[in-house]
Amino acid sequence: MKKIIRTSILMILISSCSEGYIPIEETTQIPPGPVTYETHISPIISSRCISCHSDNNPQAGVLLENYNQVRNSSENGLLIQRINDPADPMPVTGLMPLSTRVLFDEWSNNGYLEN
């Protein structure tokens, strides 16, 4: 009887895992057209990064006030590495959604288009 109960519980658990279930993080889609700094990256920087990475005393000495600064930080790997690092994320409040982080990867892959 115990074996039947265990088997039944196992079958219920297995059947509750449907093939149609995909976590939201894995359904990230890239927007149509090329990812550009002006359209996609700049708004993210403005809303999530600029408060710590501007003015006379930016955190970690990293300025992200304009295209050239963001591109340089991305090209040297520091920006993209930090926004994807769960142990030491940027912003320090935690990882941005995957859909946001993927935009930086696409921007990089497409040659850092400005507009």
N, C-alpha and C. Protein backbone atom coordinates (compact mmCIF):
# COMPACT_ATOMS: atom_id res chain seq x y z
N MET A 1 0.83 -1.20 0.00
CA MET A 1 0.00 0.00 0.00
C MET A 1 0.87 1.25 0.00
N LYS A 2 1.96 1.27 0.82
CA LYS A 2 2.83 2.44 0.86
C LYS A 2 3.47 2.68 -0.50
N LYS A 3 3.81 1.57 -1.20
CA LYS A 3 4.43 1.70 -2.50
C LYS A 3 3.45 2.32 -3.50
N ILE A 4 2.20 1.97 -3.43
CA ILE A 4 1.17 2.54 -4.30
C ILE A 4 1.01 4.03 -4.02
N ILE A 5 1.00 4.42 -2.75
CA ILE A 5 0.86 5.83 -2.37
C ILE A 5 2.06 6.62 -2.88
N ARG A 6 3.27 6.10 -2.67
CA ARG A 6 4.48 6.78 -3.15
C ARG A 6 4.45 6.93 -4.67
N THR A 7 4.06 5.86 -5.35
CA THR A 7 3.99 5.90 -6.81
C THR A 7 2.96 6.93 -7.26
N SER A 8 1.82 6.96 -6.58
CA SER A 8 0.76 7.92 -6.92
C SER A 8 1.24 9.35 -6.72
N ILE A 9 1.90 9.60 -5.62
CA ILE A 9 2.42 10.94 -5.35
C ILE A 9 3.45 11.33 -6.40
N LEU A 10 4.33 10.41 -6.73
CA LEU A 10 5.33 10.67 -7.76
C LEU A 10 4.68 10.98 -9.09
N MET A 11 3.66 10.23 -9.46
CA MET A 11 2.96 10.46 -10.72
C MET A 11 2.28 11.82 -10.73
N ILE A 12 1.70 12.22 -9.61
CA ILE A 12 1.07 13.54 -9.52
C ILE A 12 2.10 14.64 -9.69
N LEU A 13 3.23 14.49 -9.03
CA LEU A 13 4.29 15.50 -9.15
C LEU A 13 4.81 15.60 -10.58
N ILE A 14 5.02 14.46 -11.20
CA ILE A 14 5.52 14.46 -12.57
C ILE A 14 4.49 15.05 -13.52
N SER A 15 3.24 14.69 -13.36
CA SER A 15 2.20 15.19 -14.27
C SER A 15 1.94 16.68 -14.08
N SER A 16 2.27 17.22 -12.91
CA SER A 16 2.06 18.65 -12.70
C SER A 16 3.11 19.49 -13.39
N CYS A 17 4.17 18.86 -13.85
CA CYS A 17 5.22 19.57 -14.60
C CYS A 17 4.89 19.48 -16.07
N SER A 18 4.18 20.45 -16.57
CA SER A 18 3.80 20.37 -17.98
C SER A 18 4.89 20.92 -18.87
N GLU A 19 4.92 20.45 -20.08
CA GLU A 19 5.90 20.93 -21.05
C GLU A 19 5.64 22.38 -21.40
N GLY A 20 4.42 22.86 -21.24
CA GLY A 20 4.08 24.23 -21.59
C GLY A 20 4.58 25.25 -20.58
N TYR A 21 5.01 24.81 -19.42
CA TYR A 21 5.48 25.74 -18.41
C TYR A 21 6.90 26.17 -18.71
N ILE A 22 7.08 27.46 -18.93
CA ILE A 22 8.40 28.03 -19.14
C ILE A 22 8.50 29.23 -18.23
N PRO A 23 9.49 29.27 -17.35
CA PRO A 23 9.63 30.44 -16.48
C PRO A 23 9.72 31.72 -17.29
N ILE A 24 9.19 32.79 -16.75
CA ILE A 24 9.17 34.08 -17.43
C ILE A 24 10.57 34.48 -17.87
N GLU A 25 11.57 34.25 -17.03
CA GLU A 25 12.94 34.63 -17.37
C GLU A 25 13.43 33.98 -18.66
N GLU A 26 12.89 32.83 -19.01
CA GLU A 26 13.36 32.12 -20.20
C GLU A 26 12.61 32.50 -21.46
N THR A 27 11.57 33.30 -21.36
CA THR A 27 10.79 33.66 -22.53
C THR A 27 11.18 35.03 -23.07
N THR A 28 12.35 35.50 -22.72
CA THR A 28 12.81 36.81 -23.14
C THR A 28 12.90 36.89 -24.65
N GLN A 29 12.32 37.96 -25.19
CA GLN A 29 12.38 38.18 -26.62
C GLN A 29 13.10 39.49 -26.89
N ILE A 30 13.87 39.50 -27.95
CA ILE A 30 14.57 40.70 -28.37
C ILE A 30 13.60 41.52 -29.21
N PRO A 31 13.57 42.83 -28.99
CA PRO A 31 12.65 43.65 -29.78
C PRO A 31 13.01 43.60 -31.27
N PRO A 32 12.02 43.85 -32.13
CA PRO A 32 12.32 43.84 -33.57
C PRO A 32 13.29 44.97 -33.92
N GLY A 33 14.11 44.74 -34.91
CA GLY A 33 15.09 45.75 -35.32
C GLY A 33 16.30 45.72 -34.42
N PRO A 34 17.31 46.50 -34.76
CA PRO A 34 18.55 46.49 -33.97
C PRO A 34 18.38 47.18 -32.62
N VAL A 35 19.08 46.69 -31.63
CA VAL A 35 19.11 47.33 -30.32
C VAL A 35 20.10 48.49 -30.40
N THR A 36 19.64 49.69 -30.05
CA THR A 36 20.50 50.86 -30.13
C THR A 36 20.60 51.54 -28.76
N TYR A 37 21.65 52.31 -28.61
CA TYR A 37 21.86 53.04 -27.37
C TYR A 37 20.70 54.00 -27.11
N GLU A 38 20.38 54.83 -28.06
CA GLU A 38 19.35 55.87 -27.86
C GLU A 38 17.99 55.27 -27.53
N THR A 39 17.59 54.24 -28.23
CA THR A 39 16.25 53.68 -28.05
C THR A 39 16.14 52.73 -26.87
N HIS A 40 17.13 51.90 -26.65
CA HIS A 40 17.01 50.82 -25.67
C HIS A 40 17.90 50.98 -24.44
N ILE A 41 19.17 51.31 -24.64
CA ILE A 41 20.14 51.29 -23.55
C ILE A 41 20.07 52.56 -22.70
N SER A 42 20.02 53.72 -23.33
CA SER A 42 20.01 54.98 -22.60
C SER A 42 18.87 55.07 -21.57
N PRO A 43 17.64 54.67 -21.92
CA PRO A 43 16.57 54.72 -20.90
C PRO A 43 16.85 53.83 -19.69
N ILE A 44 17.50 52.70 -19.91
CA ILE A 44 17.85 51.81 -18.79
C ILE A 44 18.90 52.47 -17.91
N ILE A 45 19.93 53.02 -18.54
CA ILE A 45 20.99 53.71 -17.81
C ILE A 45 20.38 54.86 -17.00
N SER A 46 19.51 55.63 -17.63
CA SER A 46 18.89 56.78 -16.95
C SER A 46 18.06 56.37 -15.74
N SER A 47 17.34 55.29 -15.87
CA SER A 47 16.45 54.90 -14.78
C SER A 47 17.12 54.04 -13.71
N ARG A 48 18.19 53.32 -14.05
CA ARG A 48 18.75 52.37 -13.10
C ARG A 48 20.20 52.62 -12.70
N CYS A 49 20.93 53.44 -13.45
CA CYS A 49 22.37 53.54 -13.22
C CYS A 49 22.88 54.96 -12.93
N ILE A 50 22.27 55.94 -13.55
CA ILE A 50 22.84 57.28 -13.54
C ILE A 50 22.88 57.90 -12.15
N SER A 51 22.01 57.51 -11.26
CA SER A 51 22.02 58.10 -9.91
C SER A 51 23.32 57.80 -9.17
N CYS A 52 23.97 56.71 -9.49
CA CYS A 52 25.25 56.35 -8.84
C CYS A 52 26.46 56.60 -9.73
N HIS A 53 26.24 56.73 -11.02
CA HIS A 53 27.37 56.81 -11.96
C HIS A 53 27.35 58.10 -12.77
N SER A 54 27.28 59.22 -12.04
CA SER A 54 27.33 60.53 -12.69
C SER A 54 27.99 61.52 -11.74
N ASP A 55 28.09 62.74 -12.19
CA ASP A 55 28.63 63.86 -11.41
C ASP A 55 30.13 63.72 -11.16
N ASN A 56 30.58 64.37 -10.11
CA ASN A 56 32.02 64.46 -9.81
C ASN A 56 32.59 63.23 -9.11
N ASN A 57 31.74 62.44 -8.45
CA ASN A 57 32.24 61.32 -7.67
C ASN A 57 31.42 60.05 -7.95
N PRO A 58 31.52 59.52 -9.18
CA PRO A 58 30.73 58.33 -9.51
C PRO A 58 31.23 57.10 -8.76
N GLN A 59 30.32 56.20 -8.42
CA GLN A 59 30.72 54.98 -7.73
C GLN A 59 31.68 54.18 -8.60
N ALA A 60 32.70 53.65 -7.96
CA ALA A 60 33.75 52.85 -8.60
C ALA A 60 34.46 53.60 -9.71
N GLY A 61 34.29 54.93 -9.74
CA GLY A 61 34.93 55.73 -10.78
C GLY A 61 34.36 55.50 -12.17
N VAL A 62 33.18 54.91 -12.25
CA VAL A 62 32.56 54.58 -13.53
C VAL A 62 31.50 55.62 -13.87
N LEU A 63 31.77 56.41 -14.89
CA LEU A 63 30.80 57.38 -15.39
C LEU A 63 29.96 56.73 -16.49
N LEU A 64 28.66 56.92 -16.41
CA LEU A 64 27.75 56.39 -17.43
C LEU A 64 26.80 57.49 -17.90
N GLU A 65 27.35 58.65 -18.15
CA GLU A 65 26.53 59.81 -18.50
C GLU A 65 26.23 59.94 -19.99
N ASN A 66 27.00 59.27 -20.84
CA ASN A 66 26.77 59.42 -22.27
C ASN A 66 27.13 58.13 -23.02
N TYR A 67 26.84 58.16 -24.31
CA TYR A 67 27.06 56.98 -25.15
C TYR A 67 28.50 56.47 -25.05
N ASN A 68 29.48 57.35 -25.21
CA ASN A 68 30.87 56.91 -25.20
C ASN A 68 31.27 56.25 -23.89
N GLN A 69 30.81 56.79 -22.77
CA GLN A 69 31.15 56.21 -21.47
C GLN A 69 30.49 54.85 -21.28
N VAL A 70 29.24 54.73 -21.68
CA VAL A 70 28.53 53.45 -21.55
C VAL A 70 29.14 52.42 -22.50
N ARG A 71 29.44 52.83 -23.71
CA ARG A 71 30.05 51.91 -24.66
C ARG A 71 31.41 51.43 -24.15
N ASN A 72 32.23 52.35 -23.68
CA ASN A 72 33.55 51.98 -23.18
C ASN A 72 33.44 50.99 -22.02
N SER A 73 32.53 51.27 -21.10
CA SER A 73 32.35 50.37 -19.96
C SER A 73 31.82 49.01 -20.39
N SER A 74 31.02 49.00 -21.43
CA SER A 74 30.49 47.73 -21.96
C SER A 74 31.56 46.97 -22.73
N GLU A 75 32.33 47.68 -23.54
CA GLU A 75 33.37 47.02 -24.33
C GLU A 75 34.46 46.41 -23.47
N ASN A 76 34.80 47.07 -22.37
CA ASN A 76 35.84 46.49 -21.52
C ASN A 76 35.30 45.37 -20.65
N GLY A 77 33.99 45.11 -20.77
CA GLY A 77 33.39 43.97 -20.09
C GLY A 77 32.87 44.23 -18.71
N LEU A 78 33.26 45.33 -18.11
CA LEU A 78 32.87 45.60 -16.73
C LEU A 78 31.36 45.79 -16.57
N LEU A 79 30.76 46.59 -17.40
CA LEU A 79 29.33 46.88 -17.26
C LEU A 79 28.49 45.62 -17.45
N ILE A 80 28.71 44.92 -18.54
CA ILE A 80 27.89 43.74 -18.83
C ILE A 80 28.15 42.64 -17.81
N GLN A 81 29.38 42.52 -17.37
CA GLN A 81 29.70 41.52 -16.34
C GLN A 81 28.94 41.84 -15.05
N ARG A 82 28.97 43.08 -14.62
CA ARG A 82 28.32 43.44 -13.36
C ARG A 82 26.80 43.35 -13.42
N ILE A 83 26.20 43.70 -14.55
CA ILE A 83 24.74 43.62 -14.60
C ILE A 83 24.25 42.18 -14.64
N ASN A 84 25.17 41.24 -14.92
CA ASN A 84 24.81 39.82 -14.96
C ASN A 84 25.36 39.02 -13.78
N ASP A 85 25.97 39.68 -12.82
CA ASP A 85 26.62 39.00 -11.70
C ASP A 85 25.69 38.95 -10.48
N PRO A 86 25.08 37.79 -10.21
CA PRO A 86 24.17 37.72 -9.06
C PRO A 86 24.86 37.93 -7.72
N ALA A 87 26.16 37.66 -7.64
CA ALA A 87 26.89 37.82 -6.39
C ALA A 87 27.28 39.27 -6.12
N ASP A 88 27.44 40.06 -7.17
CA ASP A 88 27.85 41.46 -7.04
C ASP A 88 27.17 42.27 -8.15
N PRO A 89 25.84 42.36 -8.10
CA PRO A 89 25.10 42.94 -9.22
C PRO A 89 25.20 44.47 -9.29
N MET A 90 24.97 44.95 -10.47
CA MET A 90 24.78 46.37 -10.68
C MET A 90 23.45 46.48 -11.41
N PRO A 91 22.52 47.22 -10.85
CA PRO A 91 22.60 48.01 -9.63
C PRO A 91 22.72 47.14 -8.38
N VAL A 92 23.20 47.74 -7.33
CA VAL A 92 23.47 46.98 -6.11
C VAL A 92 22.19 46.45 -5.46
N THR A 93 21.03 46.96 -5.87
CA THR A 93 19.76 46.49 -5.32
C THR A 93 19.37 45.12 -5.84
N GLY A 94 20.07 44.63 -6.85
CA GLY A 94 19.79 43.30 -7.38
C GLY A 94 19.79 43.28 -8.89
N LEU A 95 19.79 42.08 -9.43
CA LEU A 95 19.81 41.91 -10.88
C LEU A 95 18.60 42.55 -11.54
N MET A 96 18.84 43.19 -12.66
CA MET A 96 17.74 43.68 -13.47
C MET A 96 17.08 42.48 -14.12
N PRO A 97 15.85 42.62 -14.59
CA PRO A 97 15.20 41.49 -15.26
C PRO A 97 16.04 41.01 -16.45
N LEU A 98 15.95 39.74 -16.73
CA LEU A 98 16.70 39.16 -17.84
C LEU A 98 16.39 39.88 -19.15
N SER A 99 15.14 40.25 -19.35
CA SER A 99 14.76 40.94 -20.59
C SER A 99 15.52 42.25 -20.75
N THR A 100 15.86 42.90 -19.65
CA THR A 100 16.64 44.14 -19.69
C THR A 100 18.10 43.82 -19.95
N ARG A 101 18.63 42.83 -19.27
CA ARG A 101 20.05 42.47 -19.43
C ARG A 101 20.36 41.95 -20.83
N VAL A 102 19.41 41.26 -21.44
CA VAL A 102 19.60 40.74 -22.79
C VAL A 102 19.79 41.88 -23.79
N LEU A 103 19.16 43.01 -23.54
CA LEU A 103 19.33 44.16 -24.44
C LEU A 103 20.80 44.58 -24.52
N PHE A 104 21.49 44.56 -23.40
CA PHE A 104 22.91 44.92 -23.40
C PHE A 104 23.72 43.91 -24.21
N ASP A 105 23.40 42.64 -24.08
CA ASP A 105 24.10 41.61 -24.87
C ASP A 105 23.86 41.82 -26.36
N GLU A 106 22.62 42.08 -26.74
CA GLU A 106 22.30 42.31 -28.15
C GLU A 106 22.97 43.58 -28.67
N TRP A 107 22.97 44.61 -27.85
CA TRP A 107 23.64 45.86 -28.23
C TRP A 107 25.11 45.59 -28.51
N SER A 108 25.74 44.84 -27.65
CA SER A 108 27.14 44.46 -27.83
C SER A 108 27.33 43.62 -29.08
N ASN A 109 26.51 42.60 -29.25
CA ASN A 109 26.62 41.71 -30.40
C ASN A 109 26.44 42.44 -31.74
N ASN A 110 25.65 43.52 -31.73
CA ASN A 110 25.38 44.26 -32.95
C ASN A 110 26.35 45.42 -33.18
N GLY A 111 27.37 45.53 -32.35
CA GLY A 111 28.39 46.56 -32.58
C GLY A 111 28.14 47.89 -31.91
N TYR A 112 27.37 47.91 -30.82
CA TYR A 112 27.16 49.13 -30.03
C TYR A 112 26.58 50.27 -30.86
N LEU A 113 25.49 50.01 -31.56
CA LEU A 113 24.87 51.06 -32.37
C LEU A 113 24.39 52.20 -31.50
N GLU A 114 24.61 53.43 -31.97
CA GLU A 114 24.22 54.59 -31.17
C GLU A 114 22.74 54.95 -31.37
N ASN A 115 22.30 55.06 -32.63
CA ASN A 115 20.88 55.34 -32.89
C ASN A 115 20.47 54.72 -34.20
